[in-house]
């Protein structure tokens, strides 16, 4: 005896929840390193692609064991940085004209 309608597809809610969580994570961290880098840069230290540079620098620190915190920190940070890298690249590319303007405005250092 068959219970249920054979034409109705059953939804795997775990898969849907996981995909939703990943999409939310991507939206929340959209260019996180780019935003963080731009808010922490001093005017004389302005550079192009600061978010990408920060992601790469933080990844290097994670692989060299130079991250502050417990020993499990790299296991948490590395996937986040790898996931953030394409978003930081996109945001840095959109902000590139402004970054070039800021770099050109920097005073000459003797």
N, C-alpha and C. Protein backbone atom coordinates (compact mmCIF):
# COMPACT_ATOMS: atom_id res chain seq x y z
N UNK A 1 0.85 -1.18 0.00
CA UNK A 1 0.00 0.00 0.00
C UNK A 1 0.89 1.25 0.00
N UNK A 2 0.66 2.14 -0.91
CA UNK A 2 1.45 3.37 -1.06
C UNK A 2 0.77 4.51 -0.32
N UNK A 3 1.51 5.18 0.55
CA UNK A 3 0.98 6.34 1.26
C UNK A 3 1.60 7.59 0.65
N UNK A 4 0.80 8.51 0.27
CA UNK A 4 1.30 9.75 -0.30
C UNK A 4 1.09 9.81 -1.80
N UNK A 5 1.28 10.98 -2.33
CA UNK A 5 1.09 11.24 -3.74
C UNK A 5 2.41 10.98 -4.47
N UNK A 6 2.45 10.08 -5.44
CA UNK A 6 3.71 9.77 -6.13
C UNK A 6 4.23 10.91 -7.00
N UNK A 7 3.41 11.91 -7.32
CA UNK A 7 3.87 13.01 -8.17
C UNK A 7 4.48 14.14 -7.37
N UNK A 8 4.35 14.11 -6.05
CA UNK A 8 4.88 15.18 -5.21
C UNK A 8 6.31 14.84 -4.83
N UNK A 9 7.23 15.78 -5.09
CA UNK A 9 8.62 15.58 -4.72
C UNK A 9 8.79 15.98 -3.26
N UNK A 10 9.58 15.22 -2.55
CA UNK A 10 9.88 15.55 -1.16
C UNK A 10 11.13 16.42 -1.13
N UNK A 11 11.08 17.45 -0.34
CA UNK A 11 12.19 18.40 -0.24
C UNK A 11 13.11 17.96 0.88
N UNK A 12 14.41 17.94 0.58
CA UNK A 12 15.40 17.64 1.61
C UNK A 12 15.68 18.95 2.35
N UNK A 13 15.07 19.11 3.51
CA UNK A 13 15.17 20.37 4.24
C UNK A 13 16.57 20.61 4.77
N UNK A 14 17.33 19.58 5.05
CA UNK A 14 18.70 19.77 5.52
C UNK A 14 19.55 20.42 4.42
N UNK A 15 19.38 19.95 3.21
CA UNK A 15 20.14 20.51 2.09
C UNK A 15 19.71 21.96 1.84
N UNK A 16 18.40 22.22 1.91
CA UNK A 16 17.90 23.58 1.71
C UNK A 16 18.41 24.51 2.80
N UNK A 17 18.42 24.03 4.05
CA UNK A 17 18.92 24.84 5.16
C UNK A 17 20.41 25.12 5.01
N UNK A 18 21.17 24.12 4.60
CA UNK A 18 22.60 24.31 4.39
C UNK A 18 22.87 25.32 3.28
N UNK A 19 22.16 25.21 2.18
CA UNK A 19 22.35 26.16 1.08
C UNK A 19 21.96 27.58 1.51
N UNK A 20 20.89 27.69 2.26
CA UNK A 20 20.48 29.00 2.77
C UNK A 20 21.52 29.59 3.71
N UNK A 21 22.08 28.76 4.58
CA UNK A 21 23.11 29.23 5.51
C UNK A 21 24.36 29.68 4.75
N UNK A 22 24.75 28.94 3.73
CA UNK A 22 25.91 29.32 2.93
C UNK A 22 25.66 30.63 2.17
N UNK A 23 24.46 30.78 1.64
CA UNK A 23 24.12 32.03 0.94
C UNK A 23 24.13 33.21 1.91
N UNK A 24 23.61 33.01 3.11
CA UNK A 24 23.61 34.07 4.12
C UNK A 24 25.03 34.42 4.53
N UNK A 25 25.87 33.41 4.70
CA UNK A 25 27.27 33.66 5.04
C UNK A 25 27.95 34.46 3.95
N UNK A 26 27.70 34.11 2.71
CA UNK A 26 28.30 34.84 1.59
C UNK A 26 27.84 36.30 1.56
N UNK A 27 26.57 36.53 1.84
CA UNK A 27 26.06 37.89 1.86
C UNK A 27 26.61 38.69 3.03
N UNK A 28 26.74 38.05 4.17
CA UNK A 28 27.22 38.75 5.36
C UNK A 28 28.69 39.10 5.28
N UNK A 29 29.47 38.26 4.63
CA UNK A 29 30.89 38.53 4.57
C UNK A 29 31.31 39.12 3.23
N UNK A 30 30.37 39.57 2.46
CA UNK A 30 30.64 40.11 1.13
C UNK A 30 31.71 41.19 1.19
N UNK A 31 32.92 40.82 0.82
CA UNK A 31 34.00 41.79 0.79
C UNK A 31 34.44 42.24 2.16
N UNK A 32 34.31 41.38 3.14
CA UNK A 32 34.61 41.75 4.52
C UNK A 32 36.02 42.31 4.67
N UNK A 33 37.01 41.67 4.09
CA UNK A 33 38.38 42.16 4.19
C UNK A 33 38.55 43.49 3.48
N UNK A 34 37.81 43.70 2.42
CA UNK A 34 37.89 44.98 1.71
C UNK A 34 37.38 46.12 2.58
N UNK A 35 36.27 45.90 3.21
CA UNK A 35 35.70 46.93 4.09
C UNK A 35 36.60 47.15 5.29
N UNK A 36 37.05 46.06 5.90
CA UNK A 36 37.91 46.16 7.08
C UNK A 36 39.22 46.86 6.74
N UNK A 37 39.80 46.55 5.61
CA UNK A 37 41.06 47.18 5.22
C UNK A 37 40.89 48.68 4.98
N UNK A 38 39.81 49.05 4.32
CA UNK A 38 39.60 50.47 4.02
C UNK A 38 39.32 51.30 5.27
N UNK A 39 38.72 50.70 6.27
CA UNK A 39 38.44 51.46 7.50
C UNK A 39 39.66 51.57 8.39
N UNK A 40 40.64 50.68 8.21
CA UNK A 40 41.82 50.69 9.06
C UNK A 40 43.03 51.36 8.42
N UNK A 41 42.97 51.64 7.13
CA UNK A 41 44.12 52.25 6.44
C UNK A 41 44.25 53.72 6.79
N UNK A 42 45.47 54.15 7.03
CA UNK A 42 45.77 55.57 7.17
C UNK A 42 45.86 56.16 5.77
N UNK A 43 45.55 57.45 5.61
CA UNK A 43 45.57 58.04 4.27
C UNK A 43 46.91 57.87 3.54
N UNK A 44 48.01 57.95 4.26
CA UNK A 44 49.32 57.81 3.60
C UNK A 44 49.65 56.37 3.25
N UNK A 45 48.89 55.40 3.77
CA UNK A 45 49.15 53.99 3.49
C UNK A 45 48.17 53.38 2.48
N UNK A 46 47.39 54.23 1.82
CA UNK A 46 46.36 53.73 0.91
C UNK A 46 46.99 52.95 -0.22
N UNK A 47 46.32 51.88 -0.67
CA UNK A 47 46.82 51.04 -1.75
C UNK A 47 45.65 50.49 -2.55
N UNK A 48 45.95 49.94 -3.71
CA UNK A 48 44.91 49.31 -4.51
C UNK A 48 44.75 47.86 -4.05
N UNK A 49 43.54 47.33 -4.18
CA UNK A 49 43.19 45.97 -3.77
C UNK A 49 43.60 45.67 -2.32
N UNK A 50 43.21 46.52 -1.37
CA UNK A 50 43.62 46.27 0.02
C UNK A 50 42.96 45.03 0.62
N UNK A 51 41.74 44.71 0.22
CA UNK A 51 41.06 43.53 0.77
C UNK A 51 41.71 42.24 0.33
N UNK A 52 42.07 42.17 -0.94
CA UNK A 52 42.75 40.98 -1.46
C UNK A 52 44.10 40.83 -0.80
N UNK A 53 44.82 41.93 -0.66
CA UNK A 53 46.13 41.89 -0.02
C UNK A 53 46.01 41.42 1.43
N UNK A 54 44.97 41.88 2.11
CA UNK A 54 44.76 41.48 3.50
C UNK A 54 44.41 39.99 3.60
N UNK A 55 43.53 39.52 2.70
CA UNK A 55 43.20 38.09 2.69
C UNK A 55 44.45 37.24 2.49
N UNK A 56 45.28 37.61 1.53
CA UNK A 56 46.49 36.84 1.24
C UNK A 56 47.45 36.90 2.43
N UNK A 57 47.60 38.07 3.03
CA UNK A 57 48.47 38.22 4.19
C UNK A 57 47.98 37.37 5.36
N UNK A 58 46.67 37.41 5.62
CA UNK A 58 46.11 36.62 6.71
C UNK A 58 46.21 35.12 6.43
N UNK A 59 46.04 34.72 5.17
CA UNK A 59 46.21 33.31 4.82
C UNK A 59 47.65 32.86 5.05
N UNK A 60 48.59 33.70 4.67
CA UNK A 60 50.00 33.39 4.91
C UNK A 60 50.30 33.25 6.38
N UNK A 61 49.75 34.16 7.19
CA UNK A 61 49.95 34.08 8.64
C UNK A 61 49.34 32.81 9.21
N UNK A 62 48.19 32.41 8.68
CA UNK A 62 47.53 31.20 9.17
C UNK A 62 48.38 29.96 8.85
N UNK A 63 48.92 29.90 7.64
CA UNK A 63 49.71 28.73 7.26
C UNK A 63 51.08 28.71 7.93
N UNK A 64 51.58 29.88 8.32
CA UNK A 64 52.87 29.94 9.01
C UNK A 64 52.72 29.80 10.52
N UNK A 65 51.48 29.70 10.99
CA UNK A 65 51.23 29.55 12.43
C UNK A 65 51.42 30.84 13.21
N UNK A 66 51.26 31.98 12.56
CA UNK A 66 51.47 33.26 13.21
C UNK A 66 50.18 33.94 13.65
N UNK A 67 49.04 33.25 13.53
CA UNK A 67 47.77 33.83 13.97
C UNK A 67 47.69 33.80 15.49
N UNK A 68 47.15 34.85 16.06
CA UNK A 68 46.96 34.88 17.50
C UNK A 68 45.74 34.05 17.85
N UNK A 69 45.76 33.44 18.99
CA UNK A 69 44.61 32.67 19.45
C UNK A 69 44.95 31.21 19.64
N UNK A 70 43.93 30.43 19.93
CA UNK A 70 44.14 28.99 20.16
C UNK A 70 44.63 28.27 18.91
N UNK A 71 45.08 27.05 19.10
CA UNK A 71 45.66 26.28 17.99
C UNK A 71 44.64 25.94 16.91
N UNK A 72 43.35 25.94 17.23
CA UNK A 72 42.32 25.62 16.24
C UNK A 72 41.92 26.83 15.40
N UNK A 73 42.46 28.01 15.68
CA UNK A 73 42.09 29.23 14.97
C UNK A 73 42.27 29.11 13.45
N UNK A 74 43.42 28.61 12.96
CA UNK A 74 43.56 28.51 11.50
C UNK A 74 42.49 27.64 10.85
N UNK A 75 42.05 26.60 11.55
CA UNK A 75 41.01 25.73 10.98
C UNK A 75 39.71 26.49 10.76
N UNK A 76 39.46 27.51 11.55
CA UNK A 76 38.25 28.32 11.39
C UNK A 76 38.47 29.48 10.42
N UNK A 77 39.65 30.08 10.47
CA UNK A 77 39.91 31.30 9.70
C UNK A 77 40.18 31.03 8.22
N UNK A 78 40.92 29.98 7.92
CA UNK A 78 41.31 29.72 6.53
C UNK A 78 40.10 29.54 5.61
N UNK A 79 39.09 28.72 5.96
CA UNK A 79 37.93 28.61 5.05
C UNK A 79 37.19 29.93 4.86
N UNK A 80 37.12 30.73 5.91
CA UNK A 80 36.44 32.02 5.80
C UNK A 80 37.22 32.95 4.87
N UNK A 81 38.53 32.98 5.00
CA UNK A 81 39.35 33.83 4.14
C UNK A 81 39.28 33.37 2.68
N UNK A 82 39.30 32.07 2.47
CA UNK A 82 39.21 31.55 1.10
C UNK A 82 37.84 31.90 0.50
N UNK A 83 36.79 31.79 1.31
CA UNK A 83 35.45 32.13 0.83
C UNK A 83 35.32 33.63 0.58
N UNK A 84 36.03 34.44 1.35
CA UNK A 84 35.94 35.89 1.23
C UNK A 84 36.74 36.42 0.04
N UNK A 85 37.75 35.69 -0.39
CA UNK A 85 38.65 36.19 -1.43
C UNK A 85 37.95 36.62 -2.72
N UNK A 86 37.01 35.84 -3.29
CA UNK A 86 36.36 36.32 -4.52
C UNK A 86 35.50 37.56 -4.28
N UNK A 87 34.87 37.65 -3.11
CA UNK A 87 34.04 38.82 -2.81
C UNK A 87 34.91 40.06 -2.60
N UNK A 88 36.04 39.89 -1.92
CA UNK A 88 36.96 41.01 -1.75
C UNK A 88 37.52 41.45 -3.10
N UNK A 89 37.81 40.50 -3.97
CA UNK A 89 38.30 40.84 -5.31
C UNK A 89 37.26 41.65 -6.07
N UNK A 90 36.01 41.22 -6.00
CA UNK A 90 34.95 41.95 -6.71
C UNK A 90 34.77 43.35 -6.14
N UNK A 91 34.72 43.46 -4.81
CA UNK A 91 34.52 44.78 -4.19
C UNK A 91 35.73 45.68 -4.44
N UNK A 92 36.93 45.12 -4.36
CA UNK A 92 38.13 45.93 -4.63
C UNK A 92 38.17 46.39 -6.08
N UNK A 93 37.68 45.58 -7.01
CA UNK A 93 37.64 45.97 -8.41
C UNK A 93 36.65 47.11 -8.63
N UNK A 94 35.50 47.03 -7.97
CA UNK A 94 34.52 48.12 -8.07
C UNK A 94 35.09 49.40 -7.49
N UNK A 95 35.85 49.29 -6.40
CA UNK A 95 36.41 50.47 -5.73
C UNK A 95 37.75 50.91 -6.32
N UNK A 96 38.23 50.24 -7.35
CA UNK A 96 39.54 50.55 -7.92
C UNK A 96 39.70 52.01 -8.36
N UNK A 97 38.75 52.63 -9.05
CA UNK A 97 38.94 54.04 -9.40
C UNK A 97 39.14 54.94 -8.18
N UNK A 98 38.40 54.69 -7.12
CA UNK A 98 38.57 55.48 -5.89
C UNK A 98 39.93 55.21 -5.25
N UNK A 99 40.35 53.95 -5.27
CA UNK A 99 41.65 53.62 -4.69
C UNK A 99 42.78 54.30 -5.46
N UNK A 100 42.68 54.31 -6.77
CA UNK A 100 43.70 54.98 -7.58
C UNK A 100 43.72 56.47 -7.27
N UNK A 101 42.54 57.06 -7.12
CA UNK A 101 42.45 58.48 -6.74
C UNK A 101 43.13 58.71 -5.40
N UNK A 102 42.87 57.86 -4.43
CA UNK A 102 43.47 58.02 -3.10
C UNK A 102 44.99 57.85 -3.15
N UNK A 103 45.48 56.91 -3.93
CA UNK A 103 46.92 56.70 -4.05
C UNK A 103 47.57 57.93 -4.69
N UNK A 104 46.93 58.50 -5.71
CA UNK A 104 47.48 59.69 -6.39
C UNK A 104 47.47 60.91 -5.48
N UNK A 105 46.56 60.96 -4.52
CA UNK A 105 46.46 62.09 -3.59
C UNK A 105 47.52 62.07 -2.50
N UNK A 106 48.17 60.93 -2.31
CA UNK A 106 49.13 60.80 -1.22
C UNK A 106 50.25 61.80 -1.39
N UNK A 107 50.63 62.46 -0.29
CA UNK A 107 51.73 63.42 -0.40
C UNK A 107 53.06 62.70 -0.66
N UNK A 108 53.92 63.41 -1.35
CA UNK A 108 55.25 62.88 -1.63
C UNK A 108 56.03 62.76 -0.32
N UNK A 109 56.70 61.63 -0.13
CA UNK A 109 57.52 61.45 1.06
C UNK A 109 58.98 61.71 0.68
N UNK A 110 59.67 62.49 1.52
CA UNK A 110 61.08 62.82 1.16
C UNK A 110 62.00 61.65 1.34
